[in-house]
N, C-alpha and C. Protein backbone atom coordinates (compact mmCIF):
# COMPACT_ATOMS: atom_id res chain seq x y z
N MET A 1 17.66 -32.40 158.91
CA MET A 1 18.24 -31.66 157.78
C MET A 1 17.98 -32.40 156.47
N LEU A 2 18.22 -33.71 156.46
CA LEU A 2 18.01 -34.52 155.25
C LEU A 2 16.54 -34.58 154.90
N ARG A 3 15.69 -34.66 155.96
CA ARG A 3 14.26 -34.72 155.71
C ARG A 3 13.76 -33.42 155.07
N ALA A 4 14.30 -32.32 155.53
CA ALA A 4 13.89 -31.01 154.98
C ALA A 4 14.32 -30.89 153.52
N LEU A 5 15.51 -31.42 153.19
CA LEU A 5 16.01 -31.37 151.82
C LEU A 5 15.13 -32.20 150.89
N LEU A 6 14.76 -33.41 151.35
CA LEU A 6 13.89 -34.26 150.54
C LEU A 6 12.53 -33.62 150.33
N LEU A 7 12.00 -32.99 151.37
CA LEU A 7 10.70 -32.33 151.26
C LEU A 7 10.75 -31.19 150.24
N THR A 8 11.88 -30.45 150.27
CA THR A 8 12.04 -29.34 149.30
C THR A 8 12.09 -29.86 147.87
N ILE A 9 12.81 -30.98 147.65
CA ILE A 9 12.91 -31.56 146.31
C ILE A 9 11.55 -32.03 145.81
N VAL A 10 10.77 -32.69 146.70
CA VAL A 10 9.44 -33.17 146.33
C VAL A 10 8.53 -32.02 145.96
N LEU A 11 8.57 -30.95 146.76
CA LEU A 11 7.73 -29.78 146.47
C LEU A 11 8.11 -29.14 145.13
N ALA A 12 9.43 -29.09 144.87
CA ALA A 12 9.89 -28.50 143.60
C ALA A 12 9.41 -29.32 142.41
N LEU A 13 9.48 -30.66 142.54
CA LEU A 13 9.00 -31.52 141.45
C LEU A 13 7.50 -31.36 141.23
N ILE A 14 6.77 -31.22 142.32
CA ILE A 14 5.31 -31.02 142.20
C ILE A 14 5.01 -29.71 141.48
N VAL A 15 5.74 -28.65 141.85
CA VAL A 15 5.52 -27.34 141.21
C VAL A 15 5.86 -27.39 139.73
N LEU A 16 7.01 -28.02 139.40
CA LEU A 16 7.42 -28.13 137.99
C LEU A 16 6.41 -28.96 137.19
N GLY A 17 5.93 -30.06 137.77
CA GLY A 17 4.94 -30.89 137.09
C GLY A 17 3.65 -30.13 136.84
N THR A 18 3.24 -29.35 137.85
CA THR A 18 2.01 -28.55 137.70
C THR A 18 2.16 -27.51 136.58
N LEU A 19 3.32 -26.85 136.55
CA LEU A 19 3.57 -25.85 135.50
C LEU A 19 3.58 -26.47 134.10
N PHE A 20 4.18 -27.65 133.99
CA PHE A 20 4.24 -28.34 132.70
C PHE A 20 2.83 -28.70 132.22
N VAL A 21 2.00 -29.24 133.12
CA VAL A 21 0.63 -29.61 132.75
C VAL A 21 -0.16 -28.38 132.34
N MET A 22 0.02 -27.27 133.06
CA MET A 22 -0.71 -26.05 132.74
C MET A 22 -0.29 -25.50 131.38
N MET A 23 1.02 -25.55 131.09
CA MET A 23 1.51 -25.07 129.80
C MET A 23 0.96 -25.93 128.66
N PHE A 24 0.93 -27.24 128.86
CA PHE A 24 0.42 -28.16 127.84
C PHE A 24 -1.05 -27.92 127.56
N LEU A 25 -1.84 -27.80 128.63
CA LEU A 25 -3.27 -27.55 128.46
C LEU A 25 -3.53 -26.20 127.82
N SER A 26 -2.75 -25.21 128.16
CA SER A 26 -2.91 -23.88 127.57
C SER A 26 -2.59 -23.90 126.08
N ASN A 27 -1.53 -24.64 125.73
CA ASN A 27 -1.15 -24.74 124.32
C ASN A 27 -2.22 -25.46 123.50
N GLU A 28 -2.79 -26.55 124.04
CA GLU A 28 -3.84 -27.28 123.34
C GLU A 28 -5.09 -26.43 123.19
N ALA A 29 -5.39 -25.64 124.23
CA ALA A 29 -6.59 -24.79 124.17
C ALA A 29 -6.46 -23.70 123.12
N ALA A 30 -5.22 -23.28 122.87
CA ALA A 30 -4.99 -22.21 121.89
C ALA A 30 -5.08 -22.71 120.46
N LYS A 31 -4.98 -24.02 120.24
CA LYS A 31 -5.03 -24.57 118.90
C LYS A 31 -6.46 -24.55 118.38
N GLU A 32 -6.61 -24.20 117.09
CA GLU A 32 -7.93 -24.24 116.47
C GLU A 32 -8.26 -25.64 115.98
N ASN A 33 -7.23 -26.41 115.61
CA ASN A 33 -7.43 -27.76 115.09
C ASN A 33 -6.62 -28.77 115.89
N HIS A 34 -7.14 -29.97 115.99
CA HIS A 34 -6.46 -31.06 116.69
C HIS A 34 -6.53 -32.31 115.83
N THR A 35 -5.72 -33.28 116.16
CA THR A 35 -5.75 -34.56 115.44
C THR A 35 -6.30 -35.62 116.36
N SER A 36 -7.33 -36.32 115.87
CA SER A 36 -7.95 -37.37 116.66
C SER A 36 -8.15 -38.60 115.79
N GLY A 37 -7.45 -39.69 116.12
CA GLY A 37 -7.59 -40.91 115.34
C GLY A 37 -7.18 -40.76 113.89
N GLY A 38 -6.17 -39.91 113.63
CA GLY A 38 -5.71 -39.70 112.27
C GLY A 38 -6.54 -38.70 111.49
N THR A 39 -7.57 -38.10 112.11
CA THR A 39 -8.43 -37.12 111.45
C THR A 39 -8.29 -35.77 112.13
N MET A 40 -8.14 -34.71 111.32
CA MET A 40 -8.04 -33.37 111.88
C MET A 40 -9.43 -32.89 112.29
N VAL A 41 -9.56 -32.47 113.55
CA VAL A 41 -10.85 -32.01 114.08
C VAL A 41 -10.67 -30.64 114.71
N ASP A 42 -11.80 -29.91 114.85
CA ASP A 42 -11.76 -28.59 115.49
C ASP A 42 -11.93 -28.75 117.00
N LEU A 43 -12.10 -27.60 117.67
CA LEU A 43 -12.20 -27.63 119.13
C LEU A 43 -13.43 -28.38 119.63
N GLU A 44 -14.44 -28.48 118.77
CA GLU A 44 -15.67 -29.17 119.16
C GLU A 44 -15.68 -30.63 118.71
N GLY A 45 -14.57 -31.09 118.14
CA GLY A 45 -14.48 -32.48 117.72
C GLY A 45 -15.03 -32.77 116.34
N GLU A 46 -15.41 -31.71 115.58
CA GLU A 46 -15.92 -31.90 114.24
C GLU A 46 -14.78 -31.99 113.24
N ALA A 47 -14.94 -32.82 112.20
CA ALA A 47 -13.90 -32.99 111.18
C ALA A 47 -13.68 -31.68 110.43
N VAL A 48 -12.40 -31.38 110.15
CA VAL A 48 -12.04 -30.14 109.47
C VAL A 48 -11.85 -30.43 107.99
N LYS A 49 -12.45 -29.59 107.13
CA LYS A 49 -12.27 -29.70 105.68
C LYS A 49 -11.03 -28.92 105.26
N VAL A 50 -10.13 -29.57 104.54
CA VAL A 50 -8.91 -28.92 104.08
C VAL A 50 -9.15 -28.32 102.71
N ALA A 51 -8.95 -27.02 102.57
CA ALA A 51 -9.15 -26.34 101.30
C ALA A 51 -8.08 -26.76 100.31
N THR A 52 -8.47 -26.90 99.04
CA THR A 52 -7.53 -27.27 98.00
C THR A 52 -7.25 -26.08 97.11
N VAL A 53 -6.11 -26.09 96.45
CA VAL A 53 -5.73 -25.03 95.53
C VAL A 53 -6.15 -25.42 94.13
N GLU A 54 -6.96 -24.57 93.46
CA GLU A 54 -7.40 -24.84 92.11
C GLU A 54 -6.55 -24.03 91.14
N SER A 55 -5.92 -24.69 90.18
CA SER A 55 -5.08 -24.02 89.20
C SER A 55 -5.50 -24.45 87.80
N MET A 56 -5.16 -23.62 86.84
CA MET A 56 -5.46 -23.93 85.45
C MET A 56 -4.21 -23.80 84.61
N SER A 57 -4.17 -24.58 83.53
CA SER A 57 -3.04 -24.52 82.61
C SER A 57 -3.52 -24.86 81.21
N GLY A 58 -2.89 -24.25 80.19
CA GLY A 58 -3.26 -24.54 78.82
C GLY A 58 -2.85 -25.94 78.41
N LEU A 59 -3.57 -26.51 77.45
CA LEU A 59 -3.33 -27.88 77.02
C LEU A 59 -1.89 -28.08 76.55
N PHE A 60 -1.40 -27.18 75.70
CA PHE A 60 -0.07 -27.36 75.12
C PHE A 60 1.05 -26.78 76.00
N ASP A 61 0.67 -26.34 77.20
CA ASP A 61 1.68 -25.95 78.19
C ASP A 61 2.05 -27.12 79.10
N LEU A 62 1.29 -28.20 79.02
CA LEU A 62 1.51 -29.34 79.92
C LEU A 62 2.89 -29.96 79.80
N PRO A 63 3.51 -30.04 78.59
CA PRO A 63 4.86 -30.61 78.54
C PRO A 63 5.90 -29.85 79.34
N LEU A 64 5.61 -28.61 79.70
CA LEU A 64 6.55 -27.81 80.48
C LEU A 64 6.44 -28.11 81.97
N ILE A 65 5.43 -28.88 82.36
CA ILE A 65 5.19 -29.17 83.77
C ILE A 65 5.70 -30.57 84.09
N ASP A 66 6.36 -30.72 85.23
CA ASP A 66 6.92 -32.03 85.59
C ASP A 66 5.81 -33.02 85.93
N THR A 67 6.10 -34.30 85.79
CA THR A 67 5.09 -35.34 85.99
C THR A 67 4.60 -35.39 87.43
N ASN A 68 5.42 -34.98 88.38
CA ASN A 68 4.98 -34.97 89.77
C ASN A 68 3.82 -34.01 89.96
N THR A 69 3.89 -32.87 89.27
CA THR A 69 2.80 -31.90 89.34
C THR A 69 1.61 -32.37 88.52
N LEU A 70 1.88 -32.95 87.35
CA LEU A 70 0.79 -33.43 86.49
C LEU A 70 -0.03 -34.52 87.18
N ALA A 71 0.60 -35.23 88.10
CA ALA A 71 -0.12 -36.30 88.80
C ALA A 71 -1.26 -35.75 89.66
N TYR A 72 -1.22 -34.44 89.95
CA TYR A 72 -2.27 -33.81 90.76
C TYR A 72 -3.43 -33.30 89.91
N MET A 73 -3.35 -33.46 88.59
CA MET A 73 -4.44 -32.99 87.75
C MET A 73 -5.74 -33.70 88.10
N SER A 74 -6.80 -32.95 88.25
CA SER A 74 -8.09 -33.57 88.54
C SER A 74 -8.86 -33.85 87.26
N ALA A 75 -8.69 -32.98 86.24
CA ALA A 75 -9.42 -33.18 84.98
C ALA A 75 -8.72 -32.45 83.85
N LEU A 76 -8.99 -32.91 82.63
CA LEU A 76 -8.42 -32.32 81.43
C LEU A 76 -9.56 -32.13 80.42
N THR A 77 -9.70 -30.90 79.91
CA THR A 77 -10.76 -30.58 78.97
C THR A 77 -10.17 -30.18 77.63
N PHE A 78 -10.71 -30.71 76.54
CA PHE A 78 -10.16 -30.44 75.21
C PHE A 78 -11.19 -30.83 74.15
N PHE A 79 -10.86 -30.58 72.88
CA PHE A 79 -11.71 -30.95 71.76
C PHE A 79 -11.13 -32.19 71.07
N ILE A 80 -12.01 -33.12 70.69
CA ILE A 80 -11.61 -34.32 69.94
C ILE A 80 -12.27 -34.27 68.56
N ASP A 81 -11.47 -34.44 67.53
CA ASP A 81 -12.00 -34.48 66.16
C ASP A 81 -12.34 -35.94 65.82
N MET A 82 -13.64 -36.28 65.96
CA MET A 82 -14.09 -37.65 65.71
C MET A 82 -14.95 -37.71 64.45
N ARG A 83 -14.70 -36.81 63.51
CA ARG A 83 -15.45 -36.82 62.26
C ARG A 83 -15.10 -38.04 61.40
N SER A 84 -13.97 -38.68 61.68
CA SER A 84 -13.59 -39.88 60.93
C SER A 84 -14.34 -41.12 61.42
N ASP A 85 -15.02 -41.00 62.56
CA ASP A 85 -15.81 -42.11 63.10
C ASP A 85 -17.21 -42.03 62.49
N ALA A 86 -17.59 -43.07 61.75
CA ALA A 86 -18.87 -43.05 61.04
C ALA A 86 -20.07 -42.93 61.99
N LYS A 87 -19.95 -43.47 63.20
CA LYS A 87 -21.06 -43.43 64.13
C LYS A 87 -21.22 -42.06 64.80
N ILE A 88 -20.12 -41.37 65.00
CA ILE A 88 -20.16 -40.07 65.66
C ILE A 88 -20.14 -38.93 64.64
N ASN A 89 -19.16 -38.97 63.74
CA ASN A 89 -19.05 -38.00 62.65
C ASN A 89 -19.20 -36.56 63.15
N SER A 90 -18.49 -36.24 64.19
CA SER A 90 -18.62 -34.90 64.77
C SER A 90 -17.40 -34.57 65.61
N GLU A 91 -17.29 -33.32 65.91
CA GLU A 91 -16.29 -32.87 66.87
C GLU A 91 -16.91 -32.92 68.26
N LEU A 92 -16.14 -33.35 69.25
CA LEU A 92 -16.66 -33.46 70.61
C LEU A 92 -15.81 -32.65 71.58
N GLU A 93 -16.47 -32.08 72.55
CA GLU A 93 -15.76 -31.48 73.67
C GLU A 93 -15.71 -32.51 74.78
N ALA A 94 -14.53 -32.77 75.31
CA ALA A 94 -14.37 -33.84 76.29
C ALA A 94 -13.71 -33.33 77.56
N THR A 95 -14.13 -33.89 78.68
CA THR A 95 -13.48 -33.66 79.96
C THR A 95 -13.21 -35.02 80.58
N MET A 96 -11.95 -35.30 80.86
CA MET A 96 -11.57 -36.62 81.36
C MET A 96 -10.73 -36.50 82.63
N LYS A 97 -10.94 -37.44 83.52
CA LYS A 97 -10.15 -37.49 84.74
C LYS A 97 -8.78 -38.10 84.45
N VAL A 98 -7.79 -37.59 85.13
CA VAL A 98 -6.41 -38.00 84.86
C VAL A 98 -5.95 -39.04 85.88
N GLY A 99 -5.35 -40.10 85.34
CA GLY A 99 -4.84 -41.15 86.22
C GLY A 99 -3.33 -41.09 86.41
N GLY A 100 -2.61 -40.45 85.49
CA GLY A 100 -1.15 -40.36 85.61
C GLY A 100 -0.56 -39.68 84.40
N ALA A 101 0.75 -39.46 84.44
CA ALA A 101 1.45 -38.79 83.34
C ALA A 101 2.82 -39.42 83.15
N MET A 102 3.30 -39.43 81.89
CA MET A 102 4.61 -39.99 81.57
C MET A 102 5.31 -39.08 80.58
N ARG A 103 6.64 -39.16 80.56
CA ARG A 103 7.43 -38.43 79.57
C ARG A 103 8.81 -39.05 79.48
N ALA A 104 9.47 -38.80 78.35
CA ALA A 104 10.84 -39.25 78.22
C ALA A 104 11.73 -38.33 79.05
N PRO A 105 12.85 -38.86 79.58
CA PRO A 105 13.74 -38.02 80.39
C PRO A 105 14.22 -36.79 79.63
N ASP A 106 14.18 -35.65 80.29
CA ASP A 106 14.67 -34.38 79.73
C ASP A 106 13.94 -33.97 78.45
N ASP A 107 12.70 -34.38 78.31
CA ASP A 107 11.90 -33.98 77.14
C ASP A 107 10.84 -33.00 77.60
N SER A 108 11.00 -31.74 77.23
CA SER A 108 10.04 -30.71 77.63
C SER A 108 9.07 -30.38 76.50
N ASN A 109 9.09 -31.17 75.42
CA ASN A 109 8.20 -30.92 74.29
C ASN A 109 6.98 -31.84 74.27
N GLN A 110 7.14 -33.05 74.78
CA GLN A 110 6.06 -34.03 74.66
C GLN A 110 5.79 -34.71 76.00
N VAL A 111 4.51 -34.91 76.27
CA VAL A 111 4.12 -35.59 77.49
C VAL A 111 2.93 -36.50 77.18
N TYR A 112 2.83 -37.59 77.93
CA TYR A 112 1.74 -38.55 77.76
C TYR A 112 0.90 -38.55 79.03
N VAL A 113 -0.39 -38.36 78.86
CA VAL A 113 -1.32 -38.34 79.98
C VAL A 113 -2.24 -39.54 79.86
N ILE A 114 -2.36 -40.31 80.94
CA ILE A 114 -3.22 -41.49 80.96
C ILE A 114 -4.49 -41.15 81.75
N THR A 115 -5.64 -41.36 81.14
CA THR A 115 -6.89 -41.08 81.82
C THR A 115 -7.30 -42.26 82.69
N THR A 116 -8.24 -42.03 83.57
CA THR A 116 -8.72 -43.11 84.43
C THR A 116 -9.50 -44.16 83.64
N SER A 117 -9.90 -43.81 82.40
CA SER A 117 -10.59 -44.77 81.53
C SER A 117 -9.60 -45.61 80.72
N GLY A 118 -8.30 -45.32 80.85
CA GLY A 118 -7.29 -46.08 80.14
C GLY A 118 -6.90 -45.51 78.80
N PHE A 119 -7.41 -44.33 78.44
CA PHE A 119 -7.03 -43.69 77.18
C PHE A 119 -5.68 -43.01 77.34
N ARG A 120 -4.89 -43.00 76.27
CA ARG A 120 -3.59 -42.33 76.32
C ARG A 120 -3.64 -41.06 75.47
N ILE A 121 -3.32 -39.94 76.09
CA ILE A 121 -3.31 -38.65 75.42
C ILE A 121 -1.87 -38.22 75.19
N THR A 122 -1.54 -37.91 73.96
CA THR A 122 -0.20 -37.43 73.60
C THR A 122 -0.29 -35.94 73.31
N ILE A 123 0.54 -35.16 73.97
CA ILE A 123 0.52 -33.71 73.80
C ILE A 123 1.92 -33.25 73.40
N ASP A 124 2.03 -32.59 72.27
CA ASP A 124 3.30 -32.06 71.77
C ASP A 124 3.22 -30.54 71.81
N GLY A 125 3.95 -29.96 72.76
CA GLY A 125 3.90 -28.51 72.92
C GLY A 125 4.62 -27.76 71.82
N ALA A 126 5.66 -28.36 71.24
CA ALA A 126 6.44 -27.68 70.20
C ALA A 126 5.62 -27.46 68.94
N SER A 127 4.88 -28.49 68.53
CA SER A 127 4.08 -28.39 67.32
C SER A 127 2.62 -28.03 67.60
N THR A 128 2.28 -27.88 68.89
CA THR A 128 0.90 -27.61 69.34
C THR A 128 -0.09 -28.58 68.69
N THR A 129 0.25 -29.86 68.75
CA THR A 129 -0.64 -30.91 68.26
C THR A 129 -0.82 -31.95 69.35
N GLY A 130 -1.88 -32.70 69.23
CA GLY A 130 -2.12 -33.74 70.22
C GLY A 130 -3.04 -34.81 69.66
N SER A 131 -3.10 -35.92 70.35
CA SER A 131 -3.96 -37.02 69.93
C SER A 131 -4.38 -37.83 71.15
N ILE A 132 -5.44 -38.60 70.96
CA ILE A 132 -5.91 -39.48 72.03
C ILE A 132 -6.17 -40.86 71.44
N GLU A 133 -5.64 -41.88 72.10
CA GLU A 133 -5.82 -43.26 71.68
C GLU A 133 -6.98 -43.86 72.47
N MET A 134 -8.05 -44.19 71.76
CA MET A 134 -9.24 -44.76 72.37
C MET A 134 -9.47 -46.13 71.74
N GLY A 135 -9.09 -47.18 72.44
CA GLY A 135 -9.15 -48.51 71.88
C GLY A 135 -8.09 -48.67 70.81
N ASN A 136 -8.50 -49.03 69.62
CA ASN A 136 -7.56 -49.20 68.50
C ASN A 136 -7.55 -48.00 67.57
N THR A 137 -8.18 -46.92 67.98
CA THR A 137 -8.31 -45.75 67.11
C THR A 137 -7.67 -44.53 67.77
N THR A 138 -7.01 -43.72 66.96
CA THR A 138 -6.39 -42.48 67.44
C THR A 138 -7.08 -41.29 66.79
N PHE A 139 -7.45 -40.31 67.61
CA PHE A 139 -8.13 -39.11 67.11
C PHE A 139 -7.31 -37.87 67.46
N PRO A 140 -7.33 -36.85 66.60
CA PRO A 140 -6.64 -35.59 66.92
C PRO A 140 -7.37 -34.85 68.04
N ILE A 141 -6.61 -34.14 68.87
CA ILE A 141 -7.20 -33.29 69.90
C ILE A 141 -6.59 -31.90 69.78
N SER A 142 -7.28 -30.92 70.33
CA SER A 142 -6.78 -29.55 70.26
C SER A 142 -7.34 -28.75 71.42
N ASP A 143 -6.74 -27.57 71.62
CA ASP A 143 -7.23 -26.67 72.66
C ASP A 143 -8.30 -25.73 72.13
N LYS A 144 -8.66 -25.88 70.87
CA LYS A 144 -9.71 -25.06 70.27
C LYS A 144 -10.53 -25.92 69.32
N SER A 145 -11.69 -25.42 68.94
CA SER A 145 -12.59 -26.16 68.08
C SER A 145 -12.02 -26.33 66.68
N PHE A 146 -11.97 -27.56 66.19
CA PHE A 146 -11.51 -27.82 64.82
C PHE A 146 -12.48 -27.21 63.82
N VAL A 147 -13.77 -27.45 64.04
CA VAL A 147 -14.80 -26.99 63.11
C VAL A 147 -14.92 -25.48 63.11
N LEU A 148 -14.99 -24.90 64.29
CA LEU A 148 -15.15 -23.45 64.40
C LEU A 148 -13.94 -22.72 63.85
N ASP A 149 -12.76 -23.23 64.13
CA ASP A 149 -11.55 -22.56 63.66
C ASP A 149 -11.48 -22.56 62.13
N ARG A 150 -11.81 -23.68 61.50
CA ARG A 150 -11.77 -23.75 60.03
C ARG A 150 -12.86 -22.86 59.44
N ARG A 151 -14.04 -22.86 60.05
CA ARG A 151 -15.13 -22.04 59.55
C ARG A 151 -14.79 -20.55 59.62
N LEU A 152 -14.17 -20.15 60.72
CA LEU A 152 -13.80 -18.75 60.87
C LEU A 152 -12.73 -18.36 59.87
N GLN A 153 -11.80 -19.26 59.62
CA GLN A 153 -10.74 -18.96 58.64
C GLN A 153 -11.31 -18.78 57.24
N GLU A 154 -12.25 -19.66 56.85
CA GLU A 154 -12.85 -19.54 55.53
C GLU A 154 -13.67 -18.26 55.41
N THR A 155 -14.43 -17.94 56.47
CA THR A 155 -15.24 -16.73 56.44
C THR A 155 -14.37 -15.48 56.38
N SER A 156 -13.28 -15.48 57.14
CA SER A 156 -12.38 -14.33 57.15
C SER A 156 -11.75 -14.11 55.78
N THR A 157 -11.37 -15.21 55.12
CA THR A 157 -10.74 -15.09 53.80
C THR A 157 -11.71 -14.48 52.78
N GLN A 158 -12.96 -14.90 52.84
CA GLN A 158 -13.95 -14.38 51.91
C GLN A 158 -14.30 -12.92 52.20
N GLU A 159 -14.52 -12.60 53.47
CA GLU A 159 -14.97 -11.26 53.81
C GLU A 159 -13.85 -10.23 53.77
N ASP A 160 -12.60 -10.68 53.84
CA ASP A 160 -11.48 -9.75 53.81
C ASP A 160 -11.02 -9.44 52.39
N SER A 161 -11.70 -10.00 51.39
CA SER A 161 -11.27 -9.77 50.01
C SER A 161 -11.40 -8.31 49.60
N TRP A 162 -12.27 -7.57 50.30
CA TRP A 162 -12.46 -6.16 49.96
C TRP A 162 -11.20 -5.34 50.26
N MET A 163 -10.31 -5.86 51.11
CA MET A 163 -9.11 -5.11 51.46
C MET A 163 -8.00 -5.25 50.43
N LYS A 164 -8.15 -6.20 49.50
CA LYS A 164 -7.12 -6.39 48.50
C LYS A 164 -7.28 -5.40 47.35
N CYS A 165 -6.17 -4.95 46.80
CA CYS A 165 -6.19 -3.99 45.70
C CYS A 165 -6.46 -4.68 44.37
N ASP A 166 -7.10 -3.95 43.49
CA ASP A 166 -7.33 -4.44 42.14
C ASP A 166 -6.04 -4.22 41.34
N GLU A 167 -5.39 -5.31 40.93
CA GLU A 167 -4.10 -5.21 40.24
C GLU A 167 -4.21 -4.52 38.88
N SER A 168 -5.43 -4.44 38.33
CA SER A 168 -5.59 -3.80 37.04
C SER A 168 -5.51 -2.27 37.12
N ARG A 169 -5.62 -1.75 38.35
CA ARG A 169 -5.57 -0.31 38.54
C ARG A 169 -4.14 0.14 38.81
N ALA A 170 -3.85 1.38 38.38
CA ALA A 170 -2.50 1.91 38.56
C ALA A 170 -2.23 2.23 40.02
N SER A 171 -3.24 2.64 40.74
CA SER A 171 -3.09 2.98 42.16
C SER A 171 -4.19 2.31 42.97
N CYS A 172 -3.92 2.15 44.26
CA CYS A 172 -4.86 1.46 45.14
C CYS A 172 -5.44 2.46 46.12
N PHE A 173 -6.76 2.53 46.20
CA PHE A 173 -7.43 3.44 47.11
C PHE A 173 -8.13 2.64 48.21
N PRO A 174 -8.17 3.18 49.42
CA PRO A 174 -8.89 2.47 50.49
C PRO A 174 -10.35 2.24 50.11
N LYS A 175 -10.86 1.06 50.47
CA LYS A 175 -12.25 0.74 50.19
C LYS A 175 -13.04 0.67 51.49
N ALA A 176 -14.31 0.88 51.39
CA ALA A 176 -15.18 0.77 52.56
C ALA A 176 -15.51 -0.69 52.79
N PRO A 177 -15.46 -1.15 54.04
CA PRO A 177 -15.80 -2.56 54.31
C PRO A 177 -17.26 -2.82 54.02
N PRO A 178 -17.61 -4.05 53.70
CA PRO A 178 -19.02 -4.37 53.43
C PRO A 178 -19.87 -4.19 54.68
N LYS A 179 -21.16 -4.05 54.49
CA LYS A 179 -22.08 -3.81 55.59
C LYS A 179 -22.04 -4.97 56.59
N GLY A 180 -21.92 -4.62 57.86
CA GLY A 180 -21.91 -5.64 58.92
C GLY A 180 -20.55 -6.28 59.16
N TRP A 181 -19.51 -5.81 58.46
CA TRP A 181 -18.19 -6.43 58.58
C TRP A 181 -17.63 -6.29 59.99
N HIS A 182 -17.72 -5.08 60.57
CA HIS A 182 -17.19 -4.85 61.92
C HIS A 182 -17.92 -5.70 62.96
N LYS A 183 -19.23 -5.81 62.83
CA LYS A 183 -20.01 -6.61 63.78
C LYS A 183 -19.60 -8.07 63.72
N ARG A 184 -19.44 -8.58 62.47
CA ARG A 184 -19.05 -9.98 62.32
C ARG A 184 -17.64 -10.22 62.86
N ARG A 185 -16.77 -9.21 62.73
CA ARG A 185 -15.42 -9.34 63.27
C ARG A 185 -15.46 -9.48 64.79
N LEU A 186 -16.30 -8.70 65.46
CA LEU A 186 -16.41 -8.79 66.92
C LEU A 186 -16.97 -10.15 67.33
N GLN A 187 -17.96 -10.64 66.58
CA GLN A 187 -18.53 -11.96 66.88
C GLN A 187 -17.49 -13.05 66.68
N GLU A 188 -16.67 -12.89 65.65
CA GLU A 188 -15.62 -13.88 65.39
C GLU A 188 -14.63 -13.94 66.54
N ARG A 189 -14.22 -12.78 67.04
CA ARG A 189 -13.28 -12.75 68.16
C ARG A 189 -13.88 -13.39 69.40
N GLU A 190 -15.18 -13.14 69.62
CA GLU A 190 -15.85 -13.72 70.78
C GLU A 190 -15.91 -15.24 70.67
N LEU A 191 -16.22 -15.74 69.46
CA LEU A 191 -16.28 -17.18 69.25
C LEU A 191 -14.92 -17.83 69.41
N ARG A 192 -13.89 -17.17 68.90
CA ARG A 192 -12.53 -17.70 69.07
C ARG A 192 -12.17 -17.77 70.55
N GLY A 193 -12.56 -16.75 71.29
CA GLY A 193 -12.28 -16.74 72.73
C GLY A 193 -12.98 -17.87 73.44
N ARG A 194 -14.21 -18.15 73.05
CA ARG A 194 -14.94 -19.25 73.67
C ARG A 194 -14.30 -20.59 73.35
N GLY A 195 -13.88 -20.73 72.09
CA GLY A 195 -13.28 -21.99 71.67
C GLY A 195 -12.00 -22.28 72.40
N ARG A 196 -11.22 -21.25 72.69
CA ARG A 196 -9.94 -21.45 73.37
C ARG A 196 -10.12 -21.58 74.88
N ALA A 197 -11.10 -20.84 75.42
CA ALA A 197 -11.25 -20.81 76.88
C ALA A 197 -11.70 -22.15 77.44
N VAL A 198 -12.39 -22.95 76.63
CA VAL A 198 -12.93 -24.19 77.17
C VAL A 198 -11.85 -25.22 77.45
N SER A 199 -10.72 -25.11 76.77
CA SER A 199 -9.72 -26.16 76.88
C SER A 199 -8.69 -25.86 77.95
N GLY A 200 -8.24 -26.92 78.60
CA GLY A 200 -7.21 -26.75 79.61
C GLY A 200 -7.30 -27.85 80.64
N CYS A 201 -6.55 -27.72 81.70
CA CYS A 201 -6.60 -28.72 82.75
C CYS A 201 -6.71 -28.03 84.08
N SER A 202 -7.31 -28.70 85.03
CA SER A 202 -7.45 -28.14 86.36
C SER A 202 -6.77 -29.04 87.37
N TYR A 203 -6.24 -28.41 88.42
CA TYR A 203 -5.55 -29.14 89.46
C TYR A 203 -6.28 -28.96 90.78
N SER A 204 -6.33 -30.00 91.57
CA SER A 204 -6.79 -29.91 92.95
C SER A 204 -5.64 -30.35 93.83
N ILE A 205 -4.95 -29.39 94.42
CA ILE A 205 -3.71 -29.68 95.13
C ILE A 205 -3.80 -29.21 96.58
N THR A 206 -3.51 -30.12 97.50
CA THR A 206 -3.45 -29.74 98.92
C THR A 206 -2.09 -29.18 99.26
N ASN A 207 -1.03 -29.84 98.82
CA ASN A 207 0.34 -29.37 98.99
C ASN A 207 1.01 -29.32 97.63
N PRO A 208 0.77 -28.28 96.83
CA PRO A 208 1.25 -28.27 95.45
C PRO A 208 2.76 -28.20 95.34
N PRO A 209 3.36 -28.96 94.37
CA PRO A 209 4.79 -28.83 94.11
C PRO A 209 5.09 -27.43 93.63
N SER A 210 6.33 -26.99 93.72
CA SER A 210 6.65 -25.59 93.48
C SER A 210 7.42 -25.32 92.21
N THR A 211 7.83 -26.32 91.45
CA THR A 211 8.63 -26.06 90.26
C THR A 211 8.05 -26.75 89.04
N ASN A 212 8.41 -26.20 87.84
CA ASN A 212 8.02 -26.83 86.59
C ASN A 212 9.26 -27.34 85.89
N ARG A 213 9.10 -27.79 84.63
CA ARG A 213 10.23 -28.38 83.92
C ARG A 213 11.34 -27.38 83.67
N ALA A 214 10.98 -26.12 83.56
CA ALA A 214 11.98 -25.10 83.29
C ALA A 214 12.71 -24.66 84.55
N GLY A 215 12.24 -25.14 85.70
CA GLY A 215 12.90 -24.81 86.96
C GLY A 215 12.41 -23.53 87.59
N HIS A 216 11.25 -23.00 87.07
CA HIS A 216 10.72 -21.77 87.64
C HIS A 216 9.77 -22.10 88.76
N ASP A 217 9.67 -21.15 89.72
CA ASP A 217 8.73 -21.36 90.82
C ASP A 217 7.31 -21.11 90.36
């Protein structure tokens, strides 16, 4: 009687062990990816590439983003006004890799971004101004072209003079725009769009944080 009981227990353990092994093997076979030596691999043992999330944000929107998220920035693109530098004497478009970000506690207006080259970028979202410290010199930065923006403003002021009324007249009548005015207006809008579109920052995030400084998702 005792021998039969022991035999039954042994058989039950063997059956349970077999079922457990089969369930484990079935579960592993159903997985598309596995971990081997700390590296994620597919069913054939090849390394798996993890897709990253690419995001964009405007230059002067950065103070609204928390530093934990800013730490994931891969690059920052903007315009630098280096016309005060005798050797360069020009405006430059720059793209720099980001090494980190800093801000004062509870300050959603200003943020400091440190590049991997050691330059410090100051961005003030409230006044939409910024600067970059390169060595002992500080240069203004912007999300649009300094030169192009000033040129367009001067051109617009001159070409829009036809819309103003002659104060010497008792009444003001609509005037016809000068030849080519509409075409130049379209070109101006296109140039402004190009100048603004180039600036911003990009993120490469595998597990992106979900909130910004304002607490929105």
